[in-house]
Amino acid sequence: LEHTKKTKGEFLELLGSYDPHKKALQAQKERIEYWISKGAQISPTVNNLLVNYKYWDKSKMASWKPKSKSKTKEAGGIKPAPAKKLTSESGEILNAEARSETPATESQSEAPSAEAVTANI
C-alpha cells in the first residue's frame, strides 16, 4: 500500500492469496521480491506463510507476543476471596482453622462406633 492511500482501501498490485481451509498459498515470488526491494514491508504472518511454503529461506518472525503472567497479576489478576466467618451453634465465631477441626470432631463423637453397629445386627 502506498502511504497516501487508505490502509483498507485500494491496493497497487495483488501479490497472492491464502485459503486457510484448503491450506493453499498462491503467491508471486518475483513480484513480492520486487516490492520488498522498493521498500515495502511484509507482515510477520505473511513472512511466516512464505517460509512455511518454502517461497524463500528467511527465518520466521514472531507474529504475536503472549502476555506475561506478571503483567496480568499486576493489572488486577485473580485475588483470593476473604475467609468467611462462620458461627457455631453457641454463637462463637469460628475461623478457617477451627472450622476444619470442629466438624470432624463433632461428626466423630455423634457417629456410633463400628462395634455398636455390629452388635445391633
PDB file of N, CA and C in Angstrom:
ATOM      1  N   LEU A   1       0.829  -1.173   0.000  1.00  0.00           N
ATOM      2  CA  LEU A   1       0.000   0.000   0.000  1.00  0.00           C
ATOM      3  C   LEU A   1       0.877   1.241   0.000  1.00  0.00           C
ATOM      4  N   GLU A   2       0.429   2.190  -0.684  1.00  0.00           N
ATOM      5  CA  GLU A   2       1.142   3.454  -0.705  1.00  0.00           C
ATOM      6  C   GLU A   2       0.725   4.272   0.507  1.00  0.00           C
ATOM      7  N   HIS A   3       1.633   5.085   1.022  1.00  0.00           N
ATOM      8  CA  HIS A   3       1.349   5.820   2.252  1.00  0.00           C
ATOM      9  C   HIS A   3       0.270   6.884   2.088  1.00  0.00           C
ATOM     10  N   THR A   4      -0.027   7.287   0.869  1.00  0.00           N
ATOM     11  CA  THR A   4      -1.068   8.298   0.663  1.00  0.00           C
ATOM     12  C   THR A   4      -2.455   7.672   0.525  1.00  0.00           C
ATOM     13  N   LYS A   5      -2.529   6.360   0.423  1.00  0.00           N
ATOM     14  CA  LYS A   5      -3.808   5.658   0.279  1.00  0.00           C
ATOM     15  C   LYS A   5      -4.337   5.237   1.646  1.00  0.00           C
ATOM     16  N   LYS A   6      -5.608   4.947   1.714  1.00  0.00           N
ATOM     17  CA  LYS A   6      -6.198   4.409   2.928  1.00  0.00           C
ATOM     18  C   LYS A   6      -5.645   3.001   3.161  1.00  0.00           C
ATOM     19  N   THR A   7      -5.492   2.634   4.426  1.00  0.00           N
ATOM     20  CA  THR A   7      -4.919   1.319   4.717  1.00  0.00           C
ATOM     21  C   THR A   7      -5.833   0.180   4.294  1.00  0.00           C
ATOM     22  N   LYS A   8      -7.123   0.359   4.357  1.00  0.00           N
ATOM     23  CA  LYS A   8      -8.064  -0.683   3.947  1.00  0.00           C
ATOM     24  C   LYS A   8      -8.647  -0.399   2.565  1.00  0.00           C
ATOM     25  N   GLY A   9      -8.071   0.532   1.858  1.00  0.00           N
ATOM     26  CA  GLY A   9      -8.605   0.925   0.556  1.00  0.00           C
ATOM     27  C   GLY A   9      -8.020   0.091  -0.572  1.00  0.00           C
ATOM     28  N   GLU A  10      -7.852   0.718  -1.721  1.00  0.00           N
ATOM     29  CA  GLU A  10      -7.339   0.037  -2.895  1.00  0.00           C
ATOM     30  C   GLU A  10      -5.887  -0.370  -2.695  1.00  0.00           C
ATOM     31  N   PHE A  11      -5.480  -1.388  -3.435  1.00  0.00           N
ATOM     32  CA  PHE A  11      -4.098  -1.834  -3.386  1.00  0.00           C
ATOM     33  C   PHE A  11      -3.458  -1.601  -4.742  1.00  0.00           C
ATOM     34  N   LEU A  12      -2.144  -1.552  -4.759  1.00  0.00           N
ATOM     35  CA  LEU A  12      -1.431  -1.303  -6.008  1.00  0.00           C
ATOM     36  C   LEU A  12      -1.366  -2.547  -6.874  1.00  0.00           C
ATOM     37  N   GLU A  13      -1.126  -3.700  -6.241  1.00  0.00           N
ATOM     38  CA  GLU A  13      -0.983  -4.933  -7.003  1.00  0.00           C
ATOM     39  C   GLU A  13      -1.307  -6.114  -6.090  1.00  0.00           C
ATOM     40  N   LEU A  14      -2.042  -7.085  -6.609  1.00  0.00           N
ATOM     41  CA  LEU A  14      -2.361  -8.289  -5.857  1.00  0.00           C
ATOM     42  C   LEU A  14      -1.200  -9.266  -6.013  1.00  0.00           C
ATOM     43  N   LEU A  15      -0.569  -9.604  -4.892  1.00  0.00           N
ATOM     44  CA  LEU A  15       0.627 -10.443  -4.937  1.00  0.00           C
ATOM     45  C   LEU A  15       0.359 -11.900  -4.605  1.00  0.00           C
ATOM     46  N   GLY A  16      -0.812 -12.211  -4.126  1.00  0.00           N
ATOM     47  CA  GLY A  16      -1.116 -13.598  -3.808  1.00  0.00           C
ATOM     48  C   GLY A  16      -2.334 -13.704  -2.920  1.00  0.00           C
ATOM     49  N   SER A  17      -2.656 -14.960  -2.573  1.00  0.00           N
ATOM     50  CA  SER A  17      -3.792 -15.209  -1.693  1.00  0.00           C
ATOM     51  C   SER A  17      -3.527 -16.475  -0.894  1.00  0.00           C
ATOM     52  N   TYR A  18      -4.250 -16.603   0.220  1.00  0.00           N
ATOM     53  CA  TYR A  18      -4.114 -17.770   1.086  1.00  0.00           C
ATOM     54  C   TYR A  18      -5.499 -18.241   1.489  1.00  0.00           C
ATOM     55  N   ASP A  19      -5.762 -19.537   1.309  1.00  0.00           N
ATOM     56  CA  ASP A  19      -7.022 -20.140   1.722  1.00  0.00           C
ATOM     57  C   ASP A  19      -6.747 -21.011   2.945  1.00  0.00           C
ATOM     58  N   PRO A  20      -7.147 -20.566   4.148  1.00  0.00           N
ATOM     59  CA  PRO A  20      -6.826 -21.334   5.350  1.00  0.00           C
ATOM     60  C   PRO A  20      -7.569 -22.665   5.449  1.00  0.00           C
ATOM     61  N   HIS A  21      -8.707 -22.807   4.782  1.00  0.00           N
ATOM     62  CA  HIS A  21      -9.447 -24.061   4.837  1.00  0.00           C
ATOM     63  C   HIS A  21      -8.755 -25.140   4.016  1.00  0.00           C
ATOM     64  N   LYS A  22      -8.294 -24.780   2.844  1.00  0.00           N
ATOM     65  CA  LYS A  22      -7.576 -25.722   1.988  1.00  0.00           C
ATOM     66  C   LYS A  22      -6.082 -25.728   2.270  1.00  0.00           C
ATOM     67  N   LYS A  23      -5.625 -24.765   3.074  1.00  0.00           N
ATOM     68  CA  LYS A  23      -4.203 -24.568   3.384  1.00  0.00           C
ATOM     69  C   LYS A  23      -3.403 -24.398   2.090  1.00  0.00           C
ATOM     70  N   ALA A  24      -3.943 -23.567   1.207  1.00  0.00           N
ATOM     71  CA  ALA A  24      -3.318 -23.331  -0.088  1.00  0.00           C
ATOM     72  C   ALA A  24      -2.842 -21.885  -0.176  1.00  0.00           C
ATOM     73  N   LEU A  25      -1.575 -21.713  -0.543  1.00  0.00           N
ATOM     74  CA  LEU A  25      -0.992 -20.384  -0.712  1.00  0.00           C
ATOM     75  C   LEU A  25      -0.630 -20.200  -2.177  1.00  0.00           C
ATOM     76  N   GLN A  26      -1.088 -19.090  -2.744  1.00  0.00           N
ATOM     77  CA  GLN A  26      -0.706 -18.719  -4.100  1.00  0.00           C
ATOM     78  C   GLN A  26      -0.024 -17.365  -4.006  1.00  0.00           C
ATOM     79  N   ALA A  27       1.243 -17.313  -4.386  1.00  0.00           N
ATOM     80  CA  ALA A  27       1.983 -16.058  -4.281  1.00  0.00           C
ATOM     81  C   ALA A  27       2.898 -15.898  -5.485  1.00  0.00           C
ATOM     82  N   GLN A  28       3.123 -14.642  -5.866  1.00  0.00           N
ATOM     83  CA  GLN A  28       4.031 -14.328  -6.966  1.00  0.00           C
ATOM     84  C   GLN A  28       5.374 -13.918  -6.361  1.00  0.00           C
ATOM     85  N   LYS A  29       6.298 -14.861  -6.307  1.00  0.00           N
ATOM     86  CA  LYS A  29       7.569 -14.649  -5.625  1.00  0.00           C
ATOM     87  C   LYS A  29       8.351 -13.477  -6.216  1.00  0.00           C
ATOM     88  N   GLU A  30       8.399 -13.378  -7.525  1.00  0.00           N
ATOM     89  CA  GLU A  30       9.179 -12.311  -8.173  1.00  0.00           C
ATOM     90  C   GLU A  30       8.623 -10.932  -7.839  1.00  0.00           C
ATOM     91  N   ARG A  31       7.297 -10.809  -7.859  1.00  0.00           N
ATOM     92  CA  ARG A  31       6.681  -9.515  -7.580  1.00  0.00           C
ATOM     93  C   ARG A  31       6.820  -9.142  -6.095  1.00  0.00           C
ATOM     94  N   ILE A  32       6.768 -10.140  -5.224  1.00  0.00           N
ATOM     95  CA  ILE A  32       6.978  -9.875  -3.792  1.00  0.00           C
ATOM     96  C   ILE A  32       8.386  -9.354  -3.562  1.00  0.00           C
ATOM     97  N   GLU A  33       9.371 -10.008  -4.173  1.00  0.00           N
ATOM     98  CA  GLU A  33      10.760  -9.563  -4.022  1.00  0.00           C
ATOM     99  C   GLU A  33      10.964  -8.172  -4.620  1.00  0.00           C
ATOM    100  N   TYR A  34      10.275  -7.874  -5.723  1.00  0.00           N
ATOM    101  CA  TYR A  34      10.376  -6.558  -6.337  1.00  0.00           C
ATOM    102  C   TYR A  34       9.889  -5.483  -5.367  1.00  0.00           C
ATOM    103  N   TRP A  35       8.718  -5.696  -4.765  1.00  0.00           N
ATOM    104  CA  TRP A  35       8.158  -4.691  -3.868  1.00  0.00           C
ATOM    105  C   TRP A  35       8.975  -4.556  -2.582  1.00  0.00           C
ATOM    106  N   ILE A  36       9.558  -5.634  -2.131  1.00  0.00           N
ATOM    107  CA  ILE A  36      10.438  -5.549  -0.959  1.00  0.00           C
ATOM    108  C   ILE A  36      11.666  -4.718  -1.292  1.00  0.00           C
ATOM    109  N   SER A  37      12.190  -4.878  -2.513  1.00  0.00           N
ATOM    110  CA  SER A  37      13.356  -4.079  -2.915  1.00  0.00           C
ATOM    111  C   SER A  37      13.005  -2.596  -3.025  1.00  0.00           C
ATOM    112  N   LYS A  38      11.740  -2.282  -3.264  1.00  0.00           N
ATOM    113  CA  LYS A  38      11.285  -0.894  -3.344  1.00  0.00           C
ATOM    114  C   LYS A  38      10.959  -0.307  -1.966  1.00  0.00           C
ATOM    115  N   GLY A  39      11.043  -1.124  -0.899  1.00  0.00           N
ATOM    116  CA  GLY A  39      10.816  -0.614   0.447  1.00  0.00           C
ATOM    117  C   GLY A  39       9.542  -1.097   1.113  1.00  0.00           C
ATOM    118  N   ALA A  40       8.801  -1.956   0.455  1.00  0.00           N
ATOM    119  CA  ALA A  40       7.580  -2.480   1.073  1.00  0.00           C
ATOM    120  C   ALA A  40       7.960  -3.412   2.221  1.00  0.00           C
ATOM    121  N   GLN A  41       7.133  -3.447   3.245  1.00  0.00           N
ATOM    122  CA  GLN A  41       7.388  -4.309   4.391  1.00  0.00           C
ATOM    123  C   GLN A  41       6.337  -5.407   4.456  1.00  0.00           C
ATOM    124  N   ILE A  42       6.789  -6.597   4.796  1.00  0.00           N
ATOM    125  CA  ILE A  42       5.898  -7.748   4.900  1.00  0.00           C
ATOM    126  C   ILE A  42       5.495  -7.913   6.359  1.00  0.00           C
ATOM    127  N   SER A  43       4.248  -8.246   6.579  1.00  0.00           N
ATOM    128  CA  SER A  43       3.800  -8.511   7.947  1.00  0.00           C
ATOM    129  C   SER A  43       4.415  -9.831   8.423  1.00  0.00           C
ATOM    130  N   PRO A  44       4.552 -10.010   9.738  1.00  0.00           N
ATOM    131  CA  PRO A  44       5.117 -11.265  10.247  1.00  0.00           C
ATOM    132  C   PRO A  44       4.315 -12.494   9.827  1.00  0.00           C
ATOM    133  N   THR A  45       3.003 -12.384   9.746  1.00  0.00           N
ATOM    134  CA  THR A  45       2.177 -13.523   9.353  1.00  0.00           C
ATOM    135  C   THR A  45       2.443 -13.923   7.908  1.00  0.00           C
ATOM    136  N   VAL A  46       2.521 -12.951   7.020  1.00  0.00           N
ATOM    137  CA  VAL A  46       2.804 -13.243   5.611  1.00  0.00           C
ATOM    138  C   VAL A  46       4.209 -13.820   5.479  1.00  0.00           C
ATOM    139  N   ASN A  47       5.163 -13.270   6.212  1.00  0.00           N
ATOM    140  CA  ASN A  47       6.525 -13.793   6.179  1.00  0.00           C
ATOM    141  C   ASN A  47       6.544 -15.262   6.602  1.00  0.00           C
ATOM    142  N   ASN A  48       5.833 -15.600   7.678  1.00  0.00           N
ATOM    143  CA  ASN A  48       5.813 -16.977   8.159  1.00  0.00           C
ATOM    144  C   ASN A  48       5.126 -17.914   7.168  1.00  0.00           C
ATOM    145  N   LEU A  49       4.087 -17.436   6.486  1.00  0.00           N
ATOM    146  CA  LEU A  49       3.453 -18.250   5.447  1.00  0.00           C
ATOM    147  C   LEU A  49       4.425 -18.534   4.306  1.00  0.00           C
ATOM    148  N   LEU A  50       5.152 -17.511   3.881  1.00  0.00           N
ATOM    149  CA  LEU A  50       6.111 -17.698   2.791  1.00  0.00           C
ATOM    150  C   LEU A  50       7.239 -18.644   3.195  1.00  0.00           C
ATOM    151  N   VAL A  51       7.652 -18.606   4.452  1.00  0.00           N
ATOM    152  CA  VAL A  51       8.691 -19.518   4.934  1.00  0.00           C
ATOM    153  C   VAL A  51       8.140 -20.938   5.011  1.00  0.00           C
ATOM    154  N   ASN A  52       6.916 -21.106   5.532  1.00  0.00           N
ATOM    155  CA  ASN A  52       6.318 -22.442   5.653  1.00  0.00           C
ATOM    156  C   ASN A  52       6.135 -23.116   4.299  1.00  0.00           C
ATOM    157  N   TYR A  53       5.748 -22.349   3.296  1.00  0.00           N
ATOM    158  CA  TYR A  53       5.515 -22.906   1.969  1.00  0.00           C
ATOM    159  C   TYR A  53       6.755 -22.838   1.083  1.00  0.00           C
ATOM    160  N   LYS A  54       7.888 -22.551   1.680  1.00  0.00           N
ATOM    161  CA  LYS A  54       9.206 -22.585   1.035  1.00  0.00           C
ATOM    162  C   LYS A  54       9.309 -21.656  -0.179  1.00  0.00           C
ATOM    163  N   TYR A  55       8.711 -20.463  -0.049  1.00  0.00           N
ATOM    164  CA  TYR A  55       8.872 -19.465  -1.094  1.00  0.00           C
ATOM    165  C   TYR A  55      10.204 -18.757  -0.944  1.00  0.00           C
ATOM    166  N   TRP A  56      10.748 -18.737   0.287  1.00  0.00           N
ATOM    167  CA  TRP A  56      12.092 -18.227   0.496  1.00  0.00           C
ATOM    168  C   TRP A  56      12.684 -18.803   1.766  1.00  0.00           C
ATOM    169  N   ASP A  57      14.008 -18.609   1.920  1.00  0.00           N
ATOM    170  CA  ASP A  57      14.750 -19.244   3.007  1.00  0.00           C
ATOM    171  C   ASP A  57      15.060 -18.290   4.152  1.00  0.00           C
ATOM    172  N   LYS A  58      14.224 -17.317   4.394  1.00  0.00           N
ATOM    173  CA  LYS A  58      14.436 -16.411   5.514  1.00  0.00           C
ATOM    174  C   LYS A  58      13.913 -17.065   6.788  1.00  0.00           C
ATOM    175  N   SER A  59      14.264 -16.486   7.919  1.00  0.00           N
ATOM    176  CA  SER A  59      13.801 -17.051   9.187  1.00  0.00           C
ATOM    177  C   SER A  59      12.401 -16.539   9.522  1.00  0.00           C
ATOM    178  N   LYS A  60      11.712 -17.286  10.373  1.00  0.00           N
ATOM    179  CA  LYS A  60      10.374 -16.889  10.800  1.00  0.00           C
ATOM    180  C   LYS A  60      10.463 -15.696  11.739  1.00  0.00           C
ATOM    181  N   MET A  61       9.370 -14.945  11.808  1.00  0.00           N
ATOM    182  CA  MET A  61       9.276 -13.787  12.690  1.00  0.00           C
ATOM    183  C   MET A  61       8.198 -14.064  13.734  1.00  0.00           C
ATOM    184  N   ALA A  62       8.325 -13.455  14.898  1.00  0.00           N
ATOM    185  CA  ALA A  62       7.296 -13.585  15.932  1.00  0.00           C
ATOM    186  C   ALA A  62       6.099 -12.744  15.514  1.00  0.00           C
ATOM    187  N   SER A  63       4.965 -13.395  15.285  1.00  0.00           N
ATOM    188  CA  SER A  63       3.796 -12.659  14.809  1.00  0.00           C
ATOM    189  C   SER A  63       2.929 -12.136  15.945  1.00  0.00           C
ATOM    190  N   TRP A  64       3.119 -12.639  17.165  1.00  0.00           N
ATOM    191  CA  TRP A  64       2.382 -12.137  18.317  1.00  0.00           C
ATOM    192  C   TRP A  64       3.184 -12.440  19.563  1.00  0.00           C
ATOM    193  N   LYS A  65       2.905 -11.677  20.608  1.00  0.00           N
ATOM    194  CA  LYS A  65       3.591 -11.862  21.885  1.00  0.00           C
ATOM    195  C   LYS A  65       2.578 -12.317  22.925  1.00  0.00           C
ATOM    196  N   PRO A  66       2.830 -13.440  23.569  1.00  0.00           N
ATOM    197  CA  PRO A  66       1.917 -13.828  24.640  1.00  0.00           C
ATOM    198  C   PRO A  66       2.075 -12.895  25.830  1.00  0.00           C
ATOM    199  N   LYS A  67       0.983 -12.646  26.532  1.00  0.00           N
ATOM    200  CA  LYS A  67       1.038 -11.766  27.696  1.00  0.00           C
ATOM    201  C   LYS A  67       1.810 -12.464  28.805  1.00  0.00           C
ATOM    202  N   SER A  68       2.686 -11.712  29.449  1.00  0.00           N
ATOM    203  CA  SER A  68       3.438 -12.299  30.544  1.00  0.00           C
ATOM    204  C   SER A  68       2.547 -12.413  31.768  1.00  0.00           C
ATOM    205  N   LYS A  69       2.811 -13.408  32.587  1.00  0.00           N
ATOM    206  CA  LYS A  69       1.976 -13.663  33.751  1.00  0.00           C
ATOM    207  C   LYS A  69       2.120 -12.561  34.787  1.00  0.00           C
ATOM    208  N   SER A  70       3.290 -11.957  34.888  1.00  0.00           N
ATOM    209  CA  SER A  70       3.490 -10.918  35.895  1.00  0.00           C
ATOM    210  C   SER A  70       2.656  -9.678  35.584  1.00  0.00           C
ATOM    211  N   LYS A  71       2.488  -9.341  34.327  1.00  0.00           N
ATOM    212  CA  LYS A  71       1.693  -8.175  33.960  1.00  0.00           C
ATOM    213  C   LYS A  71       0.218  -8.399  34.260  1.00  0.00           C
ATOM    214  N   THR A  72      -0.279  -9.607  34.027  1.00  0.00           N
ATOM    215  CA  THR A  72      -1.687  -9.868  34.282  1.00  0.00           C
ATOM    216  C   THR A  72      -1.978  -9.862  35.772  1.00  0.00           C
ATOM    217  N   LYS A  73      -1.035 -10.288  36.596  1.00  0.00           N
ATOM    218  CA  LYS A  73      -1.242 -10.254  38.041  1.00  0.00           C
ATOM    219  C   LYS A  73      -1.269  -8.824  38.545  1.00  0.00           C
ATOM    220  N   GLU A  74      -0.381  -7.977  38.015  1.00  0.00           N
ATOM    221  CA  GLU A  74      -0.324  -6.586  38.434  1.00  0.00           C
ATOM    222  C   GLU A  74      -1.556  -5.809  37.974  1.00  0.00           C
ATOM    223  N   ALA A  75      -2.099  -6.171  36.845  1.00  0.00           N
ATOM    224  CA  ALA A  75      -3.207  -5.424  36.259  1.00  0.00           C
ATOM    225  C   ALA A  75      -4.553  -5.792  36.876  1.00  0.00           C
ATOM    226  N   GLY A  76      -4.556  -6.550  37.918  1.00  0.00           N
ATOM    227  CA  GLY A  76      -5.834  -6.894  38.554  1.00  0.00           C
ATOM    228  C   GLY A  76      -6.178  -8.342  38.341  1.00  0.00           C
ATOM    229  N   GLY A  77      -5.234  -9.202  38.561  1.00  0.00           N
ATOM    230  CA  GLY A  77      -5.467 -10.625  38.407  1.00  0.00           C
ATOM    231  C   GLY A  77      -6.429 -11.129  39.459  1.00  0.00           C
ATOM    232  N   ILE A  78      -6.537 -12.401  39.560  1.00  0.00           N
ATOM    233  CA  ILE A  78      -7.477 -13.009  40.488  1.00  0.00           C
ATOM    234  C   ILE A  78      -6.933 -12.870  41.906  1.00  0.00           C
ATOM    235  N   LYS A  79      -7.755 -12.331  42.775  1.00  0.00           N
ATOM    236  CA  LYS A  79      -7.372 -12.168  44.171  1.00  0.00           C
ATOM    237  C   LYS A  79      -8.095 -13.231  44.985  1.00  0.00           C
ATOM    238  N   PRO A  80      -7.448 -13.765  46.014  1.00  0.00           N
ATOM    239  CA  PRO A  80      -8.137 -14.767  46.827  1.00  0.00           C
ATOM    240  C   PRO A  80      -9.287 -14.138  47.599  1.00  0.00           C
ATOM    241  N   ALA A  81     -10.352 -14.879  47.726  1.00  0.00           N
ATOM    242  CA  ALA A  81     -11.533 -14.377  48.430  1.00  0.00           C
ATOM    243  C   ALA A  81     -11.249 -14.349  49.923  1.00  0.00           C
ATOM    244  N   PRO A  82     -11.757 -13.352  50.629  1.00  0.00           N
ATOM    245  CA  PRO A  82     -11.536 -13.311  52.073  1.00  0.00           C
ATOM    246  C   PRO A  82     -12.274 -14.460  52.748  1.00  0.00           C
ATOM    247  N   ALA A  83     -11.696 -14.957  53.852  1.00  0.00           N
ATOM    248  CA  ALA A  83     -12.302 -16.072  54.571  1.00  0.00           C
ATOM    249  C   ALA A  83     -13.611 -15.618  55.207  1.00  0.00           C
ATOM    250  N   LYS A  84     -14.629 -16.423  55.035  1.00  0.00           N
ATOM    251  CA  LYS A  84     -15.932 -16.087  55.604  1.00  0.00           C
ATOM    252  C   LYS A  84     -15.959 -16.509  57.067  1.00  0.00           C
ATOM    253  N   LYS A  85     -16.630 -15.720  57.869  1.00  0.00           N
ATOM    254  CA  LYS A  85     -16.740 -16.035  59.285  1.00  0.00           C
ATOM    255  C   LYS A  85     -18.001 -16.859  59.500  1.00  0.00           C
ATOM    256  N   LEU A  86     -17.840 -17.972  60.178  1.00  0.00           N
ATOM    257  CA  LEU A  86     -18.971 -18.831  60.495  1.00  0.00           C
ATOM    258  C   LEU A  86     -19.187 -18.820  62.002  1.00  0.00           C
ATOM    259  N   THR A  87     -20.404 -18.964  62.392  1.00  0.00           N
ATOM    260  CA  THR A  87     -20.694 -19.028  63.823  1.00  0.00           C
ATOM    261  C   THR A  87     -21.127 -20.432  64.180  1.00  0.00           C
ATOM    262  N   SER A  88     -20.724 -20.881  65.328  1.00  0.00           N
ATOM    263  CA  SER A  88     -21.144 -22.198  65.798  1.00  0.00           C
ATOM    264  C   SER A  88     -22.537 -22.077  66.396  1.00  0.00           C
ATOM    265  N   GLU A  89     -23.090 -23.184  66.862  1.00  0.00           N
ATOM    266  CA  GLU A  89     -24.443 -23.171  67.424  1.00  0.00           C
ATOM    267  C   GLU A  89     -24.517 -22.304  68.675  1.00  0.00           C
ATOM    268  N   SER A  90     -23.406 -22.198  69.404  1.00  0.00           N
ATOM    269  CA  SER A  90     -23.423 -21.401  70.631  1.00  0.00           C
ATOM    270  C   SER A  90     -23.179 -19.927  70.357  1.00  0.00           C
ATOM    271  N   GLY A  91     -22.945 -19.540  69.081  1.00  0.00           N
ATOM    272  CA  GLY A  91     -22.787 -18.142  68.726  1.00  0.00           C
ATOM    273  C   GLY A  91     -21.337 -17.690  68.641  1.00  0.00           C
ATOM    274  N   GLU A  92     -20.378 -18.596  68.792  1.00  0.00           N
ATOM    275  CA  GLU A  92     -18.971 -18.223  68.702  1.00  0.00           C
ATOM    276  C   GLU A  92     -18.569 -18.114  67.234  1.00  0.00           C
ATOM    277  N   ILE A  93     -17.659 -17.187  66.948  1.00  0.00           N
ATOM    278  CA  ILE A  93     -17.158 -17.031  65.585  1.00  0.00           C
ATOM    279  C   ILE A  93     -16.001 -17.993  65.390  1.00  0.00           C
ATOM    280  N   LEU A  94     -16.084 -18.785  64.320  1.00  0.00           N
ATOM    281  CA  LEU A  94     -15.043 -19.760  64.016  1.00  0.00           C
ATOM    282  C   LEU A  94     -14.187 -19.240  62.874  1.00  0.00           C
ATOM    283  N   ASN A  95     -12.894 -19.420  62.975  1.00  0.00           N
ATOM    284  CA  ASN A  95     -12.032 -19.059  61.850  1.00  0.00           C
ATOM    285  C   ASN A  95     -11.830 -20.289  60.976  1.00  0.00           C
ATOM    286  N   ALA A  96     -11.052 -20.167  59.928  1.00  0.00           N
ATOM    287  CA  ALA A  96     -10.885 -21.247  58.957  1.00  0.00           C
ATOM    288  C   ALA A  96     -10.258 -22.481  59.587  1.00  0.00           C
ATOM    289  N   GLU A  97      -9.300 -22.306  60.494  1.00  0.00           N
ATOM    290  CA  GLU A  97      -8.645 -23.452  61.113  1.00  0.00           C
ATOM    291  C   GLU A  97      -9.607 -24.189  62.037  1.00  0.00           C
ATOM    292  N   ALA A  98     -10.331 -23.458  62.837  1.00  0.00           N
ATOM    293  CA  ALA A  98     -11.265 -24.085  63.763  1.00  0.00           C
ATOM    294  C   ALA A  98     -12.402 -24.755  63.004  1.00  0.00           C
ATOM    295  N   ARG A  99     -12.787 -24.169  61.873  1.00  0.00           N
ATOM    296  CA  ARG A  99     -13.856 -24.724  61.056  1.00  0.00           C
ATOM    297  C   ARG A  99     -13.486 -26.110  60.551  1.00  0.00           C
ATOM    298  N   SER A 100     -12.228 -26.278  60.129  1.00  0.00           N
ATOM    299  CA  SER A 100     -11.816 -27.565  59.593  1.00  0.00           C
ATOM    300  C   SER A 100     -11.704 -28.609  60.692  1.00  0.00           C
ATOM    301  N   GLU A 101     -11.383 -28.209  61.923  1.00  0.00           N
ATOM    302  CA  GLU A 101     -11.249 -29.164  63.011  1.00  0.00           C
ATOM    303  C   GLU A 101     -12.596 -29.481  63.657  1.00  0.00           C
ATOM    304  N   THR A 102     -13.444 -28.508  63.819  1.00  0.00           N
ATOM    305  CA  THR A 102     -14.681 -28.661  64.570  1.00  0.00           C
ATOM    306  C   THR A 102     -15.645 -29.672  63.946  1.00  0.00           C
ATOM    307  N   PRO A 103     -15.961 -29.616  62.655  1.00  0.00           N
ATOM    308  CA  PRO A 103     -16.922 -30.577  62.114  1.00  0.00           C
ATOM    309  C   PRO A 103     -16.431 -32.013  62.216  1.00  0.00           C
ATOM    310  N   ALA A 104     -15.141 -32.228  62.082  1.00  0.00           N
ATOM    311  CA  ALA A 104     -14.617 -33.581  62.144  1.00  0.00           C
ATOM    312  C   ALA A 104     -14.785 -34.149  63.546  1.00  0.00           C
ATOM    313  N   THR A 105     -14.528 -33.355  64.582  1.00  0.00           N
ATOM    314  CA  THR A 105     -14.658 -33.857  65.945  1.00  0.00           C
ATOM    315  C   THR A 105     -16.114 -34.065  66.310  1.00  0.00           C
ATOM    316  N   GLU A 106     -17.009 -33.195  65.856  1.00  0.00           N
ATOM    317  CA  GLU A 106     -18.426 -33.360  66.151  1.00  0.00           C
ATOM    318  C   GLU A 106     -18.990 -34.594  65.467  1.00  0.00           C
ATOM    319  N   SER A 107     -18.615 -34.811  64.208  1.00  0.00           N
ATOM    320  CA  SER A 107     -19.145 -35.953  63.480  1.00  0.00           C
ATOM    321  C   SER A 107     -18.613 -37.254  64.049  1.00  0.00           C
ATOM    322  N   GLN A 108     -17.393 -37.240  64.556  1.00  0.00           N
ATOM    323  CA  GLN A 108     -16.835 -38.452  65.141  1.00  0.00           C
ATOM    324  C   GLN A 108     -17.526 -38.781  66.457  1.00  0.00           C
ATOM    325  N   SER A 109     -17.842 -37.777  67.264  1.00  0.00           N
ATOM    326  CA  SER A 109     -18.477 -38.033  68.557  1.00  0.00           C
ATOM    327  C   SER A 109     -19.940 -38.436  68.387  1.00  0.00           C
ATOM    328  N   GLU A 110     -20.619 -37.943  67.363  1.00  0.00           N
ATOM    329  CA  GLU A 110     -22.024 -38.257  67.147  1.00  0.00           C
ATOM    330  C   GLU A 110     -22.209 -39.613  66.479  1.00  0.00           C
ATOM    331  N   ALA A 111     -21.259 -40.031  65.662  1.00  0.00           N
ATOM    332  CA  ALA A 111     -21.383 -41.279  64.932  1.00  0.00           C
ATOM    333  C   ALA A 111     -21.190 -42.452  65.883  1.00  0.00           C
ATOM    334  N   PRO A 112     -22.037 -43.474  65.786  1.00  0.00           N
ATOM    335  CA  PRO A 112     -21.859 -44.644  66.648  1.00  0.00           C
ATOM    336  C   PRO A 112     -20.636 -45.434  66.209  1.00  0.00           C
ATOM    337  N   SER A 113     -20.024 -46.101  67.108  1.00  0.00           N
ATOM    338  CA  SER A 113     -18.824 -46.862  66.787  1.00  0.00           C
ATOM    339  C   SER A 113     -19.209 -48.073  65.948  1.00  0.00           C
ATOM    340  N   ALA A 114     -18.231 -48.649  65.273  1.00  0.00           N
ATOM    341  CA  ALA A 114     -18.465 -49.802  64.420  1.00  0.00           C
ATOM    342  C   ALA A 114     -18.889 -51.001  65.248  1.00  0.00           C
ATOM    343  N   GLU A 115     -18.360 -51.125  66.462  1.00  0.00           N
ATOM    344  CA  GLU A 115     -18.720 -52.246  67.320  1.00  0.00           C
ATOM    345  C   GLU A 115     -20.192 -52.173  67.722  1.00  0.00           C
ATOM    346  N   ALA A 116     -20.675 -50.958  67.996  1.00  0.00           N
ATOM    347  CA  ALA A 116     -22.068 -50.798  68.403  1.00  0.00           C
ATOM    348  C   ALA A 116     -23.012 -51.126  67.263  1.00  0.00           C
ATOM    349  N   VAL A 117     -22.630 -50.809  66.043  1.00  0.00           N
ATOM    350  CA  VAL A 117     -23.466 -51.090  64.879  1.00  0.00           C
ATOM    351  C   VAL A 117     -23.542 -52.582  64.653  1.00  0.00           C
ATOM    352  N   THR A 118     -22.410 -53.280  64.736  1.00  0.00           N
ATOM    353  CA  THR A 118     -22.416 -54.726  64.506  1.00  0.00           C
ATOM    354  C   THR A 118     -23.123 -55.467  65.633  1.00  0.00           C
ATOM    355  N   ALA A 119     -23.116 -54.914  66.836  1.00  0.00           N
ATOM    356  CA  ALA A 119     -23.782 -55.562  67.964  1.00  0.00           C
ATOM    357  C   ALA A 119     -25.299 -55.507  67.808  1.00  0.00           C
ATOM    358  N   ASN A 120     -25.817 -54.456  67.176  1.00  0.00           N
ATOM    359  CA  ASN A 120     -27.259 -54.325  66.991  1.00  0.00           C
ATOM    360  C   ASN A 120     -27.792 -55.262  65.914  1.00  0.00           C
ATOM    361  N   ILE A 121     -26.945 -55.768  65.065  1.00  0.00           N
ATOM    362  CA  ILE A 121     -27.391 -56.615  63.949  1.00  0.00           C
ATOM    363  C   ILE A 121     -27.571 -57.997  64.377  1.00  0.00           C
TER     364      ILE A 121
END
